[in-house]
Structures are given as C-alpha cells and as structure tokens.
C-alpha atoms as a PDB file:
ATOM      1  CA  MET A   1    -160.432  99.618 158.469  1.00  0.00           C
ATOM      2  CA  ARG A   2    -158.514  99.350 155.112  1.00  0.00           C
ATOM      3  CA  ILE A   3    -155.069  98.854 155.081  1.00  0.00           C
ATOM      4  CA  VAL A   4    -152.483  98.712 151.980  1.00  0.00           C
ATOM      5  CA  VAL A   5    -149.285  96.741 153.231  1.00  0.00           C
ATOM      6  CA  GLN A   6    -146.263  97.282 151.475  1.00  0.00           C
ATOM      7  CA  ARG A   7    -143.077  95.251 152.177  1.00  0.00           C
ATOM      8  CA  SER A   8    -139.950  97.535 152.143  1.00  0.00           C
ATOM      9  CA  LYS A   9    -136.323  97.678 152.162  1.00  0.00           C
ATOM     10  CA  LYS A  10    -136.190 101.272 153.294  1.00  0.00           C
ATOM     11  CA  ALA A  11    -139.171 103.891 153.754  1.00  0.00           C
ATOM     12  CA  SER A  12    -139.593 107.335 155.371  1.00  0.00           C
ATOM     13  CA  VAL A  13    -142.262 110.078 155.810  1.00  0.00           C
ATOM     14  CA  THR A  14    -141.427 113.774 155.291  1.00  0.00           C
ATOM     15  CA  VAL A  15    -143.598 116.762 156.659  1.00  0.00           C
ATOM     16  CA  ASN A  16    -142.477 120.218 155.744  1.00  0.00           C
ATOM     17  CA  GLU A  17    -138.796 118.781 154.604  1.00  0.00           C
ATOM     18  CA  ARG A  18    -138.303 116.974 158.052  1.00  0.00           C
ATOM     19  CA  VAL A  19    -138.281 113.291 158.668  1.00  0.00           C
ATOM     20  CA  VAL A  20    -140.802 112.224 160.928  1.00  0.00           C
ATOM     21  CA  GLY A  21    -140.724 108.474 160.552  1.00  0.00           C
ATOM     22  CA  GLU A  22    -138.303 106.251 158.876  1.00  0.00           C
ATOM     23  CA  ILE A  23    -137.520 102.432 158.885  1.00  0.00           C
ATOM     24  CA  SER A  24    -135.234  99.898 157.113  1.00  0.00           C
ATOM     25  CA  GLU A  25    -136.677  96.214 156.498  1.00  0.00           C
ATOM     26  CA  GLY A  26    -140.181  95.761 157.368  1.00  0.00           C
ATOM     27  CA  LEU A  27    -143.748  97.090 156.205  1.00  0.00           C
ATOM     28  CA  VAL A  28    -145.021 100.333 155.193  1.00  0.00           C
ATOM     29  CA  LEU A  29    -148.942 100.493 156.127  1.00  0.00           C
ATOM     30  CA  LEU A  30    -151.213 102.987 154.819  1.00  0.00           C
ATOM     31  CA  VAL A  31    -154.033 103.054 157.105  1.00  0.00           C
ATOM     32  CA  GLY A  32    -157.787 104.234 156.455  1.00  0.00           C
ATOM     33  CA  VAL A  33    -160.374 104.118 159.039  1.00  0.00           C
ATOM     34  CA  THR A  34    -164.143 104.340 158.259  1.00  0.00           C
ATOM     35  CA  HIS A  35    -167.131 105.320 160.622  1.00  0.00           C
ATOM     36  CA  GLU A  36    -167.970 101.963 161.804  1.00  0.00           C
ATOM     37  CA  ASP A  37    -164.301 100.613 162.855  1.00  0.00           C
ATOM     38  CA  THR A  38    -163.619  99.797 166.324  1.00  0.00           C
ATOM     39  CA  GLU A  39    -160.787  98.920 168.509  1.00  0.00           C
ATOM     40  CA  ALA A  40    -161.646  95.031 167.916  1.00  0.00           C
ATOM     41  CA  ASP A  41    -161.108  95.808 164.296  1.00  0.00           C
ATOM     42  CA  ALA A  42    -157.614  97.258 165.042  1.00  0.00           C
ATOM     43  CA  ALA A  43    -156.750  94.498 166.979  1.00  0.00           C
ATOM     44  CA  HIS A  44    -157.658  91.898 164.320  1.00  0.00           C
ATOM     45  CA  LEU A  45    -155.872  93.838 161.670  1.00  0.00           C
ATOM     46  CA  ALA A  46    -152.623  94.199 163.958  1.00  0.00           C
ATOM     47  CA  ASP A  47    -152.513  90.702 164.553  1.00  0.00           C
ATOM     48  CA  LYS A  48    -153.065  89.520 161.064  1.00  0.00           C
ATOM     49  CA  ILE A  49    -150.271  92.202 159.706  1.00  0.00           C
ATOM     50  CA  VAL A  50    -147.398  91.062 162.155  1.00  0.00           C
ATOM     51  CA  ASN A  51    -148.151  87.580 161.427  1.00  0.00           C
ATOM     52  CA  LEU A  52    -148.678  87.530 157.629  1.00  0.00           C
ATOM     53  CA  ARG A  53    -146.050  85.255 156.193  1.00  0.00           C
ATOM     54  CA  ILE A  54    -144.620  87.491 153.176  1.00  0.00           C
ATOM     55  CA  PHE A  55    -141.026  87.539 153.816  1.00  0.00           C
ATOM     56  CA  GLU A  56    -138.815  84.785 152.175  1.00  0.00           C
ATOM     57  CA  ASP A  57    -137.149  82.104 154.030  1.00  0.00           C
ATOM     58  CA  GLU A  58    -133.887  80.449 153.065  1.00  0.00           C
ATOM     59  CA  ASN A  59    -135.553  78.561 150.007  1.00  0.00           C
ATOM     60  CA  ASP A  60    -136.843  81.969 148.606  1.00  0.00           C
ATOM     61  CA  LYS A  61    -140.706  81.029 149.587  1.00  0.00           C
ATOM     62  CA  MET A  62    -143.043  83.609 151.329  1.00  0.00           C
ATOM     63  CA  ASN A  63    -142.963  81.871 154.423  1.00  0.00           C
ATOM     64  CA  LEU A  64    -141.730  84.572 157.456  1.00  0.00           C
ATOM     65  CA  SER A  65    -143.697  86.866 159.098  1.00  0.00           C
ATOM     66  CA  LEU A  66    -142.473  90.571 160.470  1.00  0.00           C
ATOM     67  CA  LEU A  67    -141.966  88.948 163.677  1.00  0.00           C
ATOM     68  CA  ASP A  68    -139.639  86.077 162.346  1.00  0.00           C
ATOM     69  CA  VAL A  69    -137.652  88.645 160.354  1.00  0.00           C
ATOM     70  CA  GLY A  70    -137.337  91.331 163.194  1.00  0.00           C
ATOM     71  CA  GLY A  71    -138.916  94.107 161.023  1.00  0.00           C
ATOM     72  CA  SER A  72    -140.181  97.508 161.560  1.00  0.00           C
ATOM     73  CA  ILE A  73    -143.581  99.131 160.651  1.00  0.00           C
ATOM     74  CA  LEU A  74    -143.946 102.595 159.121  1.00  0.00           C
ATOM     75  CA  SER A  75    -147.708 103.325 159.685  1.00  0.00           C
ATOM     76  CA  VAL A  76    -148.894 106.289 157.729  1.00  0.00           C
ATOM     77  CA  SER A  77    -152.797 107.589 158.221  1.00  0.00           C
ATOM     78  CA  GLN A  78    -154.534 107.819 154.652  1.00  0.00           C
ATOM     79  CA  PHE A  79    -158.229 108.669 154.677  1.00  0.00           C
ATOM     80  CA  THR A  80    -157.901 108.541 150.827  1.00  0.00           C
ATOM     81  CA  LEU A  81    -158.332 104.955 151.034  1.00  0.00           C
ATOM     82  CA  TYR A  82    -161.884 105.294 151.643  1.00  0.00           C
ATOM     83  CA  GLY A  83    -162.430 107.510 148.457  1.00  0.00           C
ATOM     84  CA  ASP A  84    -165.093 106.509 146.298  1.00  0.00           C
ATOM     85  CA  CYS A  85    -164.539 107.286 142.416  1.00  0.00           C
ATOM     86  CA  ARG A  86    -167.670 105.584 141.128  1.00  0.00           C
ATOM     87  CA  LYS A  87    -169.250 108.531 140.093  1.00  0.00           C
ATOM     88  CA  GLY A  88    -168.097 111.808 138.452  1.00  0.00           C
ATOM     89  CA  ARG A  89    -164.360 112.456 138.447  1.00  0.00           C
ATOM     90  CA  ARG A  90    -164.013 114.021 142.087  1.00  0.00           C
ATOM     91  CA  PRO A  91    -163.493 111.287 144.814  1.00  0.00           C
ATOM     92  CA  ASN A  92    -166.057 111.394 147.541  1.00  0.00           C
ATOM     93  CA  PHE A  93    -164.469 110.931 150.945  1.00  0.00           C
ATOM     94  CA  MET A  94    -167.846 110.272 152.887  1.00  0.00           C
ATOM     95  CA  ALA A  95    -166.899 106.926 153.976  1.00  0.00           C
ATOM     96  CA  ALA A  96    -163.812 107.985 155.667  1.00  0.00           C
ATOM     97  CA  ALA A  97    -164.028 108.416 159.456  1.00  0.00           C
ATOM     98  CA  LYS A  98    -164.247 111.865 160.681  1.00  0.00           C
ATOM     99  CA  PRO A  99    -160.579 113.064 162.156  1.00  0.00           C
ATOM    100  CA  ASP A 100    -161.544 112.582 166.040  1.00  0.00           C
ATOM    101  CA  HIS A 101    -162.647 108.865 165.440  1.00  0.00           C
ATOM    102  CA  ALA A 102    -159.931 107.876 162.981  1.00  0.00           C
ATOM    103  CA  LEU A 103    -157.199 109.404 165.234  1.00  0.00           C
ATOM    104  CA  GLY A 104    -158.111 107.348 168.228  1.00  0.00           C
ATOM    105  CA  ILE A 105    -158.507 104.030 166.293  1.00  0.00           C
ATOM    106  CA  TYR A 106    -155.317 104.714 164.298  1.00  0.00           C
ATOM    107  CA  LEU A 107    -153.258 105.452 167.658  1.00  0.00           C
ATOM    108  CA  HIS A 108    -154.817 102.521 169.268  1.00  0.00           C
ATOM    109  CA  PHE A 109    -154.009 100.091 166.189  1.00  0.00           C
ATOM    110  CA  ASN A 110    -150.100 101.640 166.272  1.00  0.00           C
ATOM    111  CA  LYS A 111    -149.977 100.958 170.139  1.00  0.00           C
ATOM    112  CA  LEU A 112    -151.217  97.489 169.405  1.00  0.00           C
ATOM    113  CA  LEU A 113    -148.505  96.812 166.996  1.00  0.00           C
ATOM    114  CA  GLU A 114    -145.923  97.922 169.595  1.00  0.00           C
ATOM    115  CA  THR A 115    -147.202  95.766 172.246  1.00  0.00           C
ATOM    116  CA  LYS A 116    -146.397  92.680 169.876  1.00  0.00           C
ATOM    117  CA  GLY A 117    -142.960  93.543 170.026  1.00  0.00           C
ATOM    118  CA  ILE A 118    -142.652  95.634 166.634  1.00  0.00           C
ATOM    119  CA  HIS A 119    -140.805  99.024 166.491  1.00  0.00           C
ATOM    120  CA  VAL A 120    -143.428 101.318 164.883  1.00  0.00           C
ATOM    121  CA  GLU A 121    -142.449 104.759 163.119  1.00  0.00           C
ATOM    122  CA  THR A 122    -145.434 106.930 162.156  1.00  0.00           C
ATOM    123  CA  GLY A 123    -146.193 109.989 159.877  1.00  0.00           C
ATOM    124  CA  GLU A 124    -148.008 112.775 161.039  1.00  0.00           C
ATOM    125  CA  PHE A 125    -151.784 112.476 161.410  1.00  0.00           C
ATOM    126  CA  GLY A 126    -153.633 115.009 159.353  1.00  0.00           C
ATOM    127  CA  ALA A 127    -150.481 116.485 157.670  1.00  0.00           C
ATOM    128  CA  MET A 128    -149.555 116.665 154.081  1.00  0.00           C
ATOM    129  CA  MET A 129    -146.836 114.168 153.964  1.00  0.00           C
ATOM    130  CA  ASN A 130    -144.347 112.723 151.361  1.00  0.00           C
ATOM    131  CA  VAL A 131    -143.890 109.040 151.745  1.00  0.00           C
ATOM    132  CA  SER A 132    -140.776 107.427 150.284  1.00  0.00           C
ATOM    133  CA  LEU A 133    -140.389 103.873 150.156  1.00  0.00           C
ATOM    134  CA  ASN A 134    -138.380 101.045 148.251  1.00  0.00           C
ATOM    135  CA  ASN A 135    -140.968  98.373 147.706  1.00  0.00           C
ATOM    136  CA  ASP A 136    -139.471  94.991 148.094  1.00  0.00           C
ATOM    137  CA  GLY A 137    -140.557  92.251 145.574  1.00  0.00           C
ATOM    138  CA  PRO A 138    -142.804  94.366 144.938  1.00  0.00           C
ATOM    139  CA  VAL A 139    -145.223  92.977 147.444  1.00  0.00           C
ATOM    140  CA  THR A 140    -148.256  94.854 147.997  1.00  0.00           C
ATOM    141  CA  LEU A 141    -151.577  93.638 149.733  1.00  0.00           C
ATOM    142  CA  ILE A 142    -154.659  95.191 150.782  1.00  0.00           C
ATOM    143  CA  LEU A 143    -156.408  94.086 154.014  1.00  0.00           C
ATOM    144  CA  GLU A 144    -159.644  95.012 155.467  1.00  0.00           C
ATOM    145  CA  SER A 145    -161.765  94.418 158.658  1.00  0.00           C
END
C-alpha cells in the first residue's frame, strides 16, 4: 500500500456536485493498493497513521497523534499513486491492484481505522472525485507497507 497523508484543517470529497465525505481537523489519506497488498499491510498502516505524532503540542512541536487531538480521517482511494512515469509520457498503472482486490483492502483499512476510535469519511471508490483540502502546515507524508 502507498498512502499520502496530509494534515488538514478542513477537507471534502465531491462526486457529481454532491459532497460524499467531509471532515474538519484531521488527516486526508490518498490510498493506493497494489497486487500484493494484504489485510496485514492495511493493519500496519492503520496503526501507524493513527499514532503518527504530526500535530503540534502546546510548545508547537509535532508531538501529538490523531488520537491525541481527536481528529477525523477523510480516506480517498487513488490508484494513480501506483502510476509509473519512468518511460514515455503516459503513466503505466500496471502496479495498481485490480478493482476487486483494491476495494477489499481499502474497505478493510477504513474499518480498522474506525475500530481505533477514529471517525472516517470516504470518497466513492472508482468514481471521478473532486477532493478539496486545506493542508495544515503544510504537512504531507508518504507511507508504504
């Protein structure tokens, strides 16, 4: 799995001019799944994300986790994270998992986040989405399993 983590003050996902997911303070996750990813990969990254100390404490040091600040997650599936642009000018998406495998891992990942006490909003798997976010910091990290 490959996940782009962005700290956010406010974010939403719109599909066909309808808001399908929206959060205030928390994290926006762009989630990519490849062929070999398993539920164990999803569990590892879910645990890592909710415990990442990337929110400021009273001394303005990144010392608090999403759990500490009571933030939410906006999780958006994004197969293009596995786009290979090394050759030519058109990305190759062969490393991205087929939709049936990717959807299963993505749903499991989101469920794991919820079981850790996090409110999770999502986009719409496979849809053309408009993601709007106010990146706080900006803080952006890339995690891989």
